[in-house]
Amino acid sequence: MRTKKKVSLTIDEEVYDAIEKASQVHSIPRSQIAEDALKLWLEKETEALMAKGYEEMADEDEKMAARAFEAQREILK
């Protein structure tokens, strides 16, 4: 069962006006627009953190490969 929590937010008036207009045009409650926007932000943040982690892993993999290559060159001399 899903539960909802009530929150209070302070936002710029023009953002509020845009949400209000979108709510009326698309017949979607303001709370649903806010929830969807927050979910989208969380997804993007998660993707950005994952991308950073993958980049760091790639750097480490490259360093490890260089060490392994150098070790093999030493062995084959």
C-alpha atoms as a PDB file:
ATOM      1  CA  MET A   1       0.000   0.000   0.000  1.00  0.00           C
ATOM      2  CA  ARG A   2       1.349   3.416  -0.944  1.00  0.00           C
ATOM      3  CA  THR A   3       1.293   6.188   1.579  1.00  0.00           C
ATOM      4  CA  LYS A   4       1.548   9.873   0.876  1.00  0.00           C
ATOM      5  CA  LYS A   5       3.181  12.557   2.995  1.00  0.00           C
ATOM      6  CA  LYS A   6       2.085  16.161   2.971  1.00  0.00           C
ATOM      7  CA  VAL A   7       4.865  18.730   2.538  1.00  0.00           C
ATOM      8  CA  SER A   8       5.048  22.476   2.338  1.00  0.00           C
ATOM      9  CA  LEU A   9       7.329  24.120  -0.215  1.00  0.00           C
ATOM     10  CA  THR A  10       8.360  27.681  -0.875  1.00  0.00           C
ATOM     11  CA  ILE A  11       8.909  28.357  -4.587  1.00  0.00           C
ATOM     12  CA  ASP A  12       9.229  31.370  -6.844  1.00  0.00           C
ATOM     13  CA  GLU A  13       5.939  32.868  -7.951  1.00  0.00           C
ATOM     14  CA  GLU A  14       6.673  32.303 -11.642  1.00  0.00           C
ATOM     15  CA  VAL A  15       7.352  28.611 -10.983  1.00  0.00           C
ATOM     16  CA  TYR A  16       4.083  28.395  -9.080  1.00  0.00           C
ATOM     17  CA  ASP A  17       2.251  30.113 -11.937  1.00  0.00           C
ATOM     18  CA  ALA A  18       3.756  27.684 -14.461  1.00  0.00           C
ATOM     19  CA  ILE A  19       2.726  24.700 -12.324  1.00  0.00           C
ATOM     20  CA  GLU A  20      -0.764  26.130 -11.889  1.00  0.00           C
ATOM     21  CA  LYS A  21      -1.126  26.666 -15.653  1.00  0.00           C
ATOM     22  CA  ALA A  22       0.181  23.166 -16.442  1.00  0.00           C
ATOM     23  CA  SER A  23      -2.211  21.745 -13.864  1.00  0.00           C
ATOM     24  CA  GLN A  24      -5.172  23.397 -15.552  1.00  0.00           C
ATOM     25  CA  VAL A  25      -4.097  22.666 -19.133  1.00  0.00           C
ATOM     26  CA  HIS A  26      -3.360  18.985 -18.495  1.00  0.00           C
ATOM     27  CA  SER A  27      -5.971  18.417 -15.766  1.00  0.00           C
ATOM     28  CA  ILE A  28      -3.297  17.123 -13.401  1.00  0.00           C
ATOM     29  CA  PRO A  29      -3.189  18.039  -9.705  1.00  0.00           C
ATOM     30  CA  ARG A  30      -0.354  20.379  -8.723  1.00  0.00           C
ATOM     31  CA  SER A  31       0.860  17.808  -6.222  1.00  0.00           C
ATOM     32  CA  GLN A  32       1.231  15.226  -9.020  1.00  0.00           C
ATOM     33  CA  ILE A  33       3.255  17.690 -11.109  1.00  0.00           C
ATOM     34  CA  ALA A  34       5.507  18.415  -8.127  1.00  0.00           C
ATOM     35  CA  GLU A  35       5.907  14.711  -7.346  1.00  0.00           C
ATOM     36  CA  ASP A  36       6.761  13.899 -10.978  1.00  0.00           C
ATOM     37  CA  ALA A  37       9.284  16.764 -11.075  1.00  0.00           C
ATOM     38  CA  LEU A  38      10.964  15.578  -7.873  1.00  0.00           C
ATOM     39  CA  LYS A  39      11.128  11.987  -9.150  1.00  0.00           C
ATOM     40  CA  LEU A  40      12.708  13.204 -12.382  1.00  0.00           C
ATOM     41  CA  TRP A  41      15.272  15.247 -10.433  1.00  0.00           C
ATOM     42  CA  LEU A  42      16.128  12.239  -8.244  1.00  0.00           C
ATOM     43  CA  GLU A  43      16.549  10.015 -11.324  1.00  0.00           C
ATOM     44  CA  LYS A  44      18.883  12.545 -12.961  1.00  0.00           C
ATOM     45  CA  GLU A  45      20.933  12.899  -9.774  1.00  0.00           C
ATOM     46  CA  THR A  46      21.245   9.122  -9.501  1.00  0.00           C
ATOM     47  CA  GLU A  47      22.306   8.863 -13.148  1.00  0.00           C
ATOM     48  CA  ALA A  48      24.892  11.623 -12.667  1.00  0.00           C
ATOM     49  CA  LEU A  49      26.351   9.892  -9.599  1.00  0.00           C
ATOM     50  CA  MET A  50      26.468   6.569 -11.427  1.00  0.00           C
ATOM     51  CA  ALA A  51      28.164   8.163 -14.449  1.00  0.00           C
ATOM     52  CA  LYS A  52      30.776   9.734 -12.165  1.00  0.00           C
ATOM     53  CA  GLY A  53      31.362   6.370 -10.501  1.00  0.00           C
ATOM     54  CA  TYR A  54      31.763   4.634 -13.855  1.00  0.00           C
ATOM     55  CA  GLU A  55      34.244   7.297 -14.992  1.00  0.00           C
ATOM     56  CA  GLU A  56      36.276   6.828 -11.819  1.00  0.00           C
ATOM     57  CA  MET A  57      36.191   3.052 -12.296  1.00  0.00           C
ATOM     58  CA  ALA A  58      37.351   3.478 -15.897  1.00  0.00           C
ATOM     59  CA  ASP A  59      40.311   5.570 -14.721  1.00  0.00           C
ATOM     60  CA  GLU A  60      41.231   2.903 -12.178  1.00  0.00           C
ATOM     61  CA  ASP A  61      40.855   0.147 -14.796  1.00  0.00           C
ATOM     62  CA  GLU A  62      43.136   2.075 -17.153  1.00  0.00           C
ATOM     63  CA  LYS A  63      45.779   2.477 -14.441  1.00  0.00           C
ATOM     64  CA  MET A  64      45.553  -1.211 -13.545  1.00  0.00           C
ATOM     65  CA  ALA A  65      45.871  -2.222 -17.202  1.00  0.00           C
ATOM     66  CA  ALA A  66      48.954  -0.007 -17.585  1.00  0.00           C
ATOM     67  CA  ARG A  67      50.546  -1.637 -14.514  1.00  0.00           C
ATOM     68  CA  ALA A  68      49.758  -5.117 -15.822  1.00  0.00           C
ATOM     69  CA  PHE A  69      51.170  -4.259 -19.237  1.00  0.00           C
ATOM     70  CA  GLU A  70      54.361  -2.906 -17.687  1.00  0.00           C
ATOM     71  CA  ALA A  71      54.709  -6.027 -15.515  1.00  0.00           C
ATOM     72  CA  GLN A  72      54.301  -8.264 -18.577  1.00  0.00           C
ATOM     73  CA  ARG A  73      56.949  -6.262 -20.451  1.00  0.00           C
ATOM     74  CA  GLU A  74      59.350  -6.764 -17.533  1.00  0.00           C
ATOM     75  CA  ILE A  75      58.687 -10.507 -17.468  1.00  0.00           C
ATOM     76  CA  LEU A  76      59.163 -10.891 -21.230  1.00  0.00           C
ATOM     77  CA  LYS A  77      62.528  -9.069 -21.344  1.00  0.00           C
END
